[in-house]
Amino acid sequence: MSNSSKRNTREKLMLTAIELISVKGYKSVTTQEIALTAGVSEKTLFRHFGTKLNLLESAFDEYHYVAEMTRLFEEKVVWNLHSDLLLVSKTYHEIMHKNRKLFMISLKEMNHLPELRTRTIRHPQQLLELLTRYLQTMYEKGKVVQLNAELQAFSFMALNYGLFINHMEDHVHFPWLSLEDVITESVWTFTRALTP
């Protein structure tokens, strides 16, 4: 089997698991059901992941936002606070919206699967580190006021997390406030507050 077809099989299994578990719950979905729905044998699922929990954890690692956000901070920031925070915010929402079923699984299953809690908290912690380093560097460059970089990074993340929760499902709690408008306004507010 080629690396490409192995990759396709792994991806198909992860996406199928996300879809089924988001609807039925972790305990109600069997490895046989995941394999059958993905169009492969259960033996193939076990060969790729070993267990259902490994399959779900692999999906979290694959589809969460840390890898893309790391690339963003390494390759796309232009050291302009407004442009960079706007890019971070929009990218975060694109990824979180695309992976909202995975996020809903983590909310539903975290109390039953402590391994999942550890796995899912790593992503926001890594984003906090990326944002903190960015803001600290911006301070060193003289582009933001003196600040507690970690607290400001956390505040920015908390604001975006709250926005995501509001827009996670089809019924939005404040439908008259568009996500795009709130992102634009909040980034403007952060930029104004932190610019010397």
Protein backbone atom coordinates (compact mmCIF):
# COMPACT_ATOMS: atom_id res chain seq x y z
CA MET A 1 0.00 0.00 0.00
CA SER A 2 1.42 3.39 -0.96
CA ASN A 3 1.94 6.20 1.54
CA SER A 4 -0.76 8.19 -0.24
CA SER A 5 -3.38 5.45 0.07
CA LYS A 6 -2.36 4.83 3.71
CA ARG A 7 -2.85 8.52 4.33
CA ASN A 8 -6.23 8.48 2.58
CA THR A 9 -7.35 5.46 4.63
CA ARG A 10 -6.26 7.09 7.90
CA GLU A 11 -8.01 10.32 6.96
CA LYS A 12 -11.20 8.52 5.94
CA LEU A 13 -11.25 6.64 9.26
CA MET A 14 -10.65 9.80 11.30
CA LEU A 15 -13.33 11.79 9.49
CA THR A 16 -15.81 8.92 9.77
CA ALA A 17 -15.10 8.57 13.50
CA ILE A 18 -15.63 12.30 14.02
CA GLU A 19 -18.92 12.22 12.15
CA LEU A 20 -20.31 9.16 13.96
CA ILE A 21 -19.08 10.08 17.45
CA SER A 22 -20.36 13.66 17.16
CA VAL A 23 -23.86 12.28 16.51
CA LYS A 24 -23.99 9.12 18.65
CA GLY A 25 -21.37 9.67 21.35
CA TYR A 26 -18.10 7.87 21.95
CA LYS A 27 -19.49 4.85 23.82
CA SER A 28 -22.27 4.20 21.31
CA VAL A 29 -20.00 3.95 18.27
CA THR A 30 -18.06 0.76 17.66
CA THR A 31 -14.84 0.29 15.73
CA GLN A 32 -16.74 -2.08 13.44
CA GLU A 33 -19.28 0.65 12.65
CA ILE A 34 -16.53 3.19 11.96
CA ALA A 35 -14.68 0.78 9.67
CA LEU A 36 -17.85 -0.27 7.82
CA THR A 37 -18.95 3.33 7.29
CA ALA A 38 -15.45 4.27 6.10
CA GLY A 39 -15.50 1.35 3.65
CA VAL A 40 -12.60 -0.58 5.17
CA SER A 41 -12.23 -3.61 7.39
CA GLU A 42 -12.10 -3.37 11.16
CA LYS A 43 -8.67 -5.02 10.91
CA THR A 44 -7.50 -2.02 8.83
CA LEU A 45 -8.74 0.36 11.53
CA PHE A 46 -6.80 -1.55 14.18
CA ARG A 47 -3.69 -1.69 11.99
CA HIS A 48 -3.74 2.12 11.61
CA PHE A 49 -4.83 3.15 15.11
CA GLY A 50 -4.88 0.18 17.48
CA THR A 51 -7.91 1.39 19.46
CA LYS A 52 -10.93 3.63 19.11
CA LEU A 53 -9.41 6.05 21.62
CA ASN A 54 -6.17 6.26 19.61
CA LEU A 55 -8.27 6.94 16.52
CA LEU A 56 -10.11 9.80 18.23
CA GLU A 57 -6.91 11.23 19.73
CA SER A 58 -5.23 11.09 16.30
CA ALA A 59 -8.17 13.01 14.86
CA PHE A 60 -7.74 15.70 17.52
CA ASP A 61 -4.05 15.99 16.71
CA GLU A 62 -4.67 16.06 12.97
CA TYR A 63 -7.55 18.48 12.74
CA HIS A 64 -7.05 20.94 15.57
CA TYR A 65 -5.53 24.34 14.88
CA VAL A 66 -2.02 24.24 16.37
CA ALA A 67 -0.10 23.15 13.26
CA GLU A 68 -1.77 25.77 11.08
CA MET A 69 -1.38 28.49 13.70
CA THR A 70 2.29 27.63 14.17
CA ARG A 71 2.82 28.04 10.41
CA LEU A 72 0.91 31.32 10.52
CA PHE A 73 3.21 32.75 13.21
CA GLU A 74 6.33 31.42 11.49
CA GLU A 75 5.48 32.43 7.91
CA LYS A 76 2.65 34.94 7.69
CA VAL A 77 2.95 37.58 10.41
CA VAL A 78 4.10 40.95 9.09
CA TRP A 79 4.69 42.55 12.52
CA ASN A 80 1.73 44.88 12.10
CA LEU A 81 -0.52 44.40 15.12
CA HIS A 82 -3.82 45.05 13.36
CA SER A 83 -3.07 42.91 10.30
CA ASP A 84 -1.60 40.08 12.34
CA LEU A 85 -4.38 39.90 14.94
CA LEU A 86 -6.97 40.03 12.18
CA LEU A 87 -5.25 37.13 10.42
CA VAL A 88 -4.98 35.13 13.65
CA SER A 89 -8.62 35.72 14.51
CA LYS A 90 -9.98 34.88 11.06
CA THR A 91 -7.79 31.79 10.75
CA TYR A 92 -8.85 30.58 14.20
CA HIS A 93 -12.54 30.91 13.30
CA GLU A 94 -12.12 29.21 9.93
CA ILE A 95 -10.40 26.22 11.53
CA MET A 96 -12.75 26.01 14.51
CA HIS A 97 -15.84 26.23 12.29
CA LYS A 98 -14.50 23.54 9.97
CA ASN A 99 -13.75 21.30 12.98
CA ARG A 100 -16.74 22.18 15.16
CA LYS A 101 -17.89 18.54 15.34
CA LEU A 102 -14.56 17.59 16.85
CA PHE A 103 -14.93 20.41 19.34
CA MET A 104 -18.45 19.26 20.25
CA ILE A 105 -17.06 15.76 20.89
CA SER A 106 -14.49 17.19 23.28
CA LEU A 107 -17.20 19.07 25.20
CA LYS A 108 -19.43 15.99 25.45
CA GLU A 109 -16.78 13.39 26.17
CA MET A 110 -14.17 15.17 28.29
CA ASN A 111 -15.59 13.98 31.62
CA HIS A 112 -15.71 10.36 30.46
CA LEU A 113 -12.32 10.34 28.73
CA PRO A 114 -9.66 12.06 30.86
CA GLU A 115 -7.06 11.25 28.18
CA LEU A 116 -9.02 13.45 25.81
CA ARG A 117 -9.01 16.39 28.23
CA THR A 118 -5.20 16.31 28.34
CA ARG A 119 -5.03 16.04 24.57
CA THR A 120 -7.44 18.88 23.84
CA ILE A 121 -6.00 21.40 26.31
CA ARG A 122 -2.60 21.20 24.58
CA HIS A 123 -3.91 23.11 21.57
CA PRO A 124 -5.08 26.26 23.39
CA GLN A 125 -1.95 26.14 25.55
CA GLN A 126 0.24 26.11 22.45
CA LEU A 127 -1.76 28.94 20.88
CA LEU A 128 -1.35 30.92 24.12
CA GLU A 129 2.42 30.41 23.88
CA LEU A 130 2.49 31.52 20.24
CA LEU A 131 0.44 34.66 20.92
CA THR A 132 2.43 35.48 24.06
CA ARG A 133 5.75 35.24 22.19
CA TYR A 134 4.32 37.36 19.37
CA LEU A 135 3.15 40.12 21.73
CA GLN A 136 6.41 40.05 23.67
CA THR A 137 8.37 40.43 20.43
CA MET A 138 6.07 43.26 19.36
CA TYR A 139 6.86 44.99 22.67
CA GLU A 140 10.60 44.49 22.12
CA LYS A 141 10.21 46.01 18.65
CA GLY A 142 8.48 49.04 20.22
CA LYS A 143 5.22 48.29 18.40
CA VAL A 144 3.00 47.74 21.46
CA VAL A 145 2.82 49.33 24.89
CA GLN A 146 4.37 47.65 27.91
CA LEU A 147 2.06 44.78 28.75
CA ASN A 148 1.64 41.43 30.38
CA ALA A 149 1.92 39.53 27.10
CA GLU A 150 0.44 36.31 28.45
CA LEU A 151 -2.63 38.03 29.96
CA GLN A 152 -3.25 39.98 26.76
CA ALA A 153 -2.81 36.83 24.66
CA PHE A 154 -5.23 34.96 26.91
CA SER A 155 -7.77 37.81 26.73
CA PHE A 156 -7.59 37.76 22.94
CA MET A 157 -8.04 34.00 22.87
CA ALA A 158 -10.94 34.12 25.34
CA LEU A 159 -12.72 36.71 23.22
CA ASN A 160 -12.33 34.57 20.09
CA TYR A 161 -13.37 31.41 21.93
CA GLY A 162 -16.54 33.14 23.11
CA LEU A 163 -17.27 34.26 19.56
CA PHE A 164 -16.79 30.71 18.32
CA ILE A 165 -19.18 29.34 20.96
CA ASN A 166 -21.80 31.91 19.91
CA HIS A 167 -21.45 30.94 16.24
CA MET A 168 -20.77 27.21 16.68
CA GLU A 169 -24.22 26.03 15.76
CA ASP A 170 -26.77 27.21 13.26
CA HIS A 171 -28.83 29.07 15.87
CA VAL A 172 -26.64 31.99 16.88
CA HIS A 173 -27.39 33.69 20.21
CA PHE A 174 -26.90 37.20 18.81
CA PRO A 175 -27.80 36.81 15.13
CA TRP A 176 -27.79 40.54 14.40
CA LEU A 177 -24.04 40.69 15.18
CA SER A 178 -22.13 39.12 12.32
CA LEU A 179 -18.98 37.18 13.11
CA GLU A 180 -17.03 39.26 10.59
CA ASP A 181 -18.12 42.54 12.19
CA VAL A 182 -17.32 41.38 15.72
CA ILE A 183 -13.89 40.12 14.66
CA THR A 184 -13.13 43.41 12.91
CA GLU A 185 -14.30 45.51 15.85
CA SER A 186 -12.52 43.45 18.51
CA VAL A 187 -9.23 43.45 16.61
CA TRP A 188 -9.54 47.23 16.18
CA THR A 189 -10.14 47.57 19.94
CA PHE A 190 -7.13 45.42 20.83
CA THR A 191 -4.96 47.27 18.33
CA ARG A 192 -5.99 50.67 19.66
CA ALA A 193 -5.46 49.62 23.28
CA LEU A 194 -2.00 48.11 22.71
CA THR A 195 -0.52 50.58 20.22
CA PRO A 196 1.86 53.17 21.78
